[in-house]
Amino acid sequence: MTQPVRLIPLLCPHCQNPIPAQPDEVAWVCTNCQKGLLLDESKGAVPLNIFFHAGLSAGKTGAPFWVTRGRVVFQQRETYRGNEKKAMQAFWAEPRLFAIPAYALPLEEAIALGVKFLQQPLKMEAGKPAPFLPIVVSPQDVHPLAEFIVMSIEAERKDALRQLTFTLSLEPLQCWILPV
């Protein structure tokens, strides 16, 4: 027997204001109480802390990112030629700050931007609220995107990567609105 479709009204859990959600959006700021909200498929809108970067320019639209610290542990690295294992180990020796774009971008651009922020991290300083692009990337998509970023960095090394096996552990996510 087929279950009927159940519609969950998107109401702010803080003030019960309706959320004017657009297709594909997964997070918002309530227009009434200014609190952050995340779509939970079973609960509807749940609270989400959204941080605004101090570097956002007045009058400019910021871009949402899922930000987290991640630790990469390599089990195997095979190459066709050369060996940049020492450089790899030095780069990944400490947890790194991942910033995964949470707005609509082609995959190649999202990965390139994630690589850029990983290699040149911003200092995460909170600032004033600002308008931002719609948040359409779900938190569940962050781990696979972070893995793509790790693979991208390692594939760019000069030793002609053949095979790579690693584990990636991520700390809890934060949503940041960053300048781009």
Protein backbone atom coordinates (compact mmCIF):
# COMPACT_ATOMS: atom_id res chain seq x y z
CA MET A 1 0.00 0.00 0.00
CA THR A 2 1.37 3.38 -1.00
CA GLN A 3 1.72 5.98 1.70
CA PRO A 4 0.15 9.36 0.91
CA VAL A 5 2.48 12.28 0.46
CA ARG A 6 2.78 14.21 3.70
CA LEU A 7 3.44 17.91 3.44
CA ILE A 8 5.35 19.48 6.29
CA PRO A 9 4.72 23.21 6.66
CA LEU A 10 7.94 25.17 6.91
CA LEU A 11 7.50 27.34 9.97
CA CYS A 12 10.21 29.00 11.97
CA PRO A 13 10.60 26.98 15.21
CA HIS A 14 11.37 30.23 17.06
CA CYS A 15 8.48 32.50 16.01
CA GLN A 16 6.21 30.25 13.86
CA ASN A 17 6.56 32.60 10.89
CA PRO A 18 6.12 30.84 7.50
CA ILE A 19 9.39 30.38 5.62
CA PRO A 20 9.24 31.52 1.99
CA ALA A 21 11.28 28.56 0.72
CA GLN A 22 12.23 28.21 -2.91
CA PRO A 23 12.78 24.87 -4.68
CA ASP A 24 16.11 23.21 -3.77
CA GLU A 25 16.78 25.49 -0.77
CA VAL A 26 17.80 23.68 2.42
CA ALA A 27 18.50 26.55 4.85
CA TRP A 28 17.33 30.10 5.46
CA VAL A 29 17.25 33.03 7.85
CA CYS A 30 13.75 33.75 9.17
CA THR A 31 12.50 37.07 7.79
CA ASN A 32 10.73 37.77 11.09
CA CYS A 33 13.13 36.81 13.92
CA GLN A 34 16.39 36.61 11.90
CA LYS A 35 17.26 33.11 13.25
CA GLY A 36 18.93 30.51 11.03
CA LEU A 37 16.93 27.46 9.92
CA LEU A 38 17.82 24.13 8.31
CA LEU A 39 15.43 21.76 6.56
CA ASP A 40 15.22 18.41 8.33
CA GLU A 41 13.30 15.94 6.17
CA SER A 42 11.43 14.46 9.14
CA LYS A 43 11.07 17.49 11.43
CA GLY A 44 10.70 20.40 9.03
CA ALA A 45 12.67 23.52 9.89
CA VAL A 46 15.14 23.16 12.77
CA PRO A 47 17.45 25.81 14.28
CA LEU A 48 20.78 26.46 12.53
CA ASN A 49 23.46 28.90 13.58
CA ILE A 50 24.51 30.98 10.60
CA PHE A 51 27.67 33.08 10.96
CA PHE A 52 28.47 36.11 8.82
CA HIS A 53 32.15 36.79 8.04
CA ALA A 54 33.63 40.12 9.11
CA GLY A 55 35.08 40.57 5.60
CA LEU A 56 31.67 40.90 3.93
CA SER A 57 31.42 44.24 2.13
CA ALA A 58 28.38 46.43 2.76
CA GLY A 59 25.87 46.12 -0.05
CA LYS A 60 27.49 42.96 -1.44
CA THR A 61 25.87 39.53 -1.41
CA GLY A 62 27.80 36.88 0.49
CA ALA A 63 28.08 33.20 -0.37
CA PRO A 64 27.11 30.41 2.02
CA PHE A 65 29.66 27.72 2.89
CA TRP A 66 29.62 24.67 5.14
CA VAL A 67 32.76 25.07 7.24
CA THR A 68 34.41 22.35 9.31
CA ARG A 69 37.78 21.08 10.43
CA GLY A 70 38.78 17.78 8.88
CA ARG A 71 41.51 15.25 9.49
CA VAL A 72 42.80 13.12 6.63
CA VAL A 73 44.57 9.83 7.34
CA PHE A 74 46.16 8.06 4.38
CA GLN A 75 46.38 4.28 4.19
CA GLN A 76 47.90 3.98 0.72
CA ARG A 77 49.38 6.23 -1.96
CA GLU A 78 50.69 4.76 -5.21
CA THR A 79 52.16 6.77 -8.06
CA TYR A 80 53.28 6.12 -11.61
CA ARG A 81 56.47 8.09 -11.04
CA GLY A 82 58.02 10.29 -8.39
CA ASN A 83 57.17 10.48 -4.72
CA GLU A 84 55.64 13.49 -3.01
CA LYS A 85 54.63 11.54 0.08
CA LYS A 86 56.60 13.86 2.39
CA ALA A 87 54.87 16.95 0.99
CA MET A 88 51.52 15.20 1.32
CA GLN A 89 52.22 14.20 4.93
CA ALA A 90 53.36 17.73 5.82
CA PHE A 91 50.22 19.29 4.30
CA TRP A 92 47.81 16.91 6.05
CA ALA A 93 49.73 16.58 9.36
CA GLU A 94 47.22 18.77 11.19
CA PRO A 95 43.45 19.07 10.78
CA ARG A 96 42.59 21.45 7.94
CA LEU A 97 39.74 23.95 7.62
CA PHE A 98 37.34 22.89 4.87
CA ALA A 99 34.95 25.45 3.35
CA ILE A 100 32.47 23.72 1.05
CA PRO A 101 30.28 25.97 -1.12
CA ALA A 102 26.62 25.63 -0.08
CA TYR A 103 25.23 27.55 -3.05
CA ALA A 104 24.57 26.50 -6.63
CA LEU A 105 27.80 26.04 -8.58
CA PRO A 106 28.97 23.55 -11.20
CA LEU A 107 30.80 20.70 -9.44
CA GLU A 108 34.19 21.62 -10.95
CA GLU A 109 33.88 25.22 -9.68
CA ALA A 110 32.73 24.09 -6.22
CA ILE A 111 35.72 21.75 -5.91
CA ALA A 112 38.15 24.43 -7.16
CA LEU A 113 36.78 26.93 -4.65
CA GLY A 114 36.97 24.33 -1.87
CA VAL A 115 40.61 23.64 -2.79
CA LYS A 116 41.38 27.37 -2.78
CA PHE A 117 39.90 27.89 0.70
CA LEU A 118 41.66 24.77 2.02
CA GLN A 119 45.04 25.94 0.73
CA GLN A 120 44.47 29.60 1.70
CA PRO A 121 42.04 29.53 4.64
CA LEU A 122 40.23 32.65 5.79
CA LYS A 123 40.43 33.65 9.42
CA MET A 124 36.90 32.97 10.64
CA GLU A 125 35.88 36.24 12.28
CA ALA A 126 32.19 36.95 12.80
CA GLY A 127 30.69 40.14 11.44
CA LYS A 128 27.31 41.68 10.72
CA PRO A 129 24.44 39.94 8.91
CA ALA A 130 24.32 40.47 5.16
CA PRO A 131 22.27 39.17 2.23
CA PHE A 132 23.48 35.85 0.80
CA LEU A 133 22.93 33.44 -2.06
CA PRO A 134 20.41 30.62 -1.51
CA ILE A 135 21.70 27.62 0.45
CA VAL A 136 21.05 24.57 -1.76
CA VAL A 137 23.78 22.10 -0.74
CA SER A 138 22.64 19.79 2.02
CA PRO A 139 24.92 19.03 4.98
CA GLN A 140 24.76 15.36 3.91
CA ASP A 141 26.62 16.28 0.71
CA VAL A 142 29.58 17.86 2.53
CA HIS A 143 31.58 14.69 3.27
CA PRO A 144 31.66 13.45 -0.36
CA LEU A 145 32.52 16.96 -1.57
CA ALA A 146 35.35 17.19 0.98
CA GLU A 147 36.67 13.84 -0.31
CA PHE A 148 36.65 15.24 -3.86
CA ILE A 149 38.66 18.21 -2.59
CA VAL A 150 41.26 15.94 -0.96
CA MET A 151 41.54 13.90 -4.17
CA SER A 152 41.88 17.09 -6.22
CA ILE A 153 44.76 18.35 -4.12
CA GLU A 154 46.55 15.02 -4.26
CA ALA A 155 45.96 14.56 -8.00
CA GLU A 156 47.60 17.94 -8.68
CA ARG A 157 50.93 16.84 -7.17
CA LYS A 158 53.73 16.23 -9.68
CA ASP A 159 54.23 12.55 -8.86
CA ALA A 160 51.47 11.20 -11.14
CA LEU A 161 49.06 9.73 -8.62
CA ARG A 162 47.85 6.24 -9.49
CA GLN A 163 45.83 5.23 -6.44
CA LEU A 164 44.94 6.77 -3.09
CA THR A 165 43.19 5.36 -0.06
CA PHE A 166 42.32 7.57 2.90
CA THR A 167 39.79 8.25 5.62
CA LEU A 168 38.37 11.68 6.28
CA SER A 169 36.82 12.65 9.59
CA LEU A 170 34.96 15.94 9.86
CA GLU A 171 33.98 17.95 12.92
CA PRO A 172 30.40 19.29 13.21
CA LEU A 173 29.47 21.69 10.43
CA GLN A 174 28.95 25.41 10.72
CA CYS A 175 27.23 27.56 8.14
CA TRP A 176 29.23 30.69 7.27
CA ILE A 177 28.39 33.46 4.83
CA LEU A 178 31.73 34.38 3.25
CA PRO A 179 32.94 36.95 0.75
CA VAL A 180 33.89 35.49 -2.64
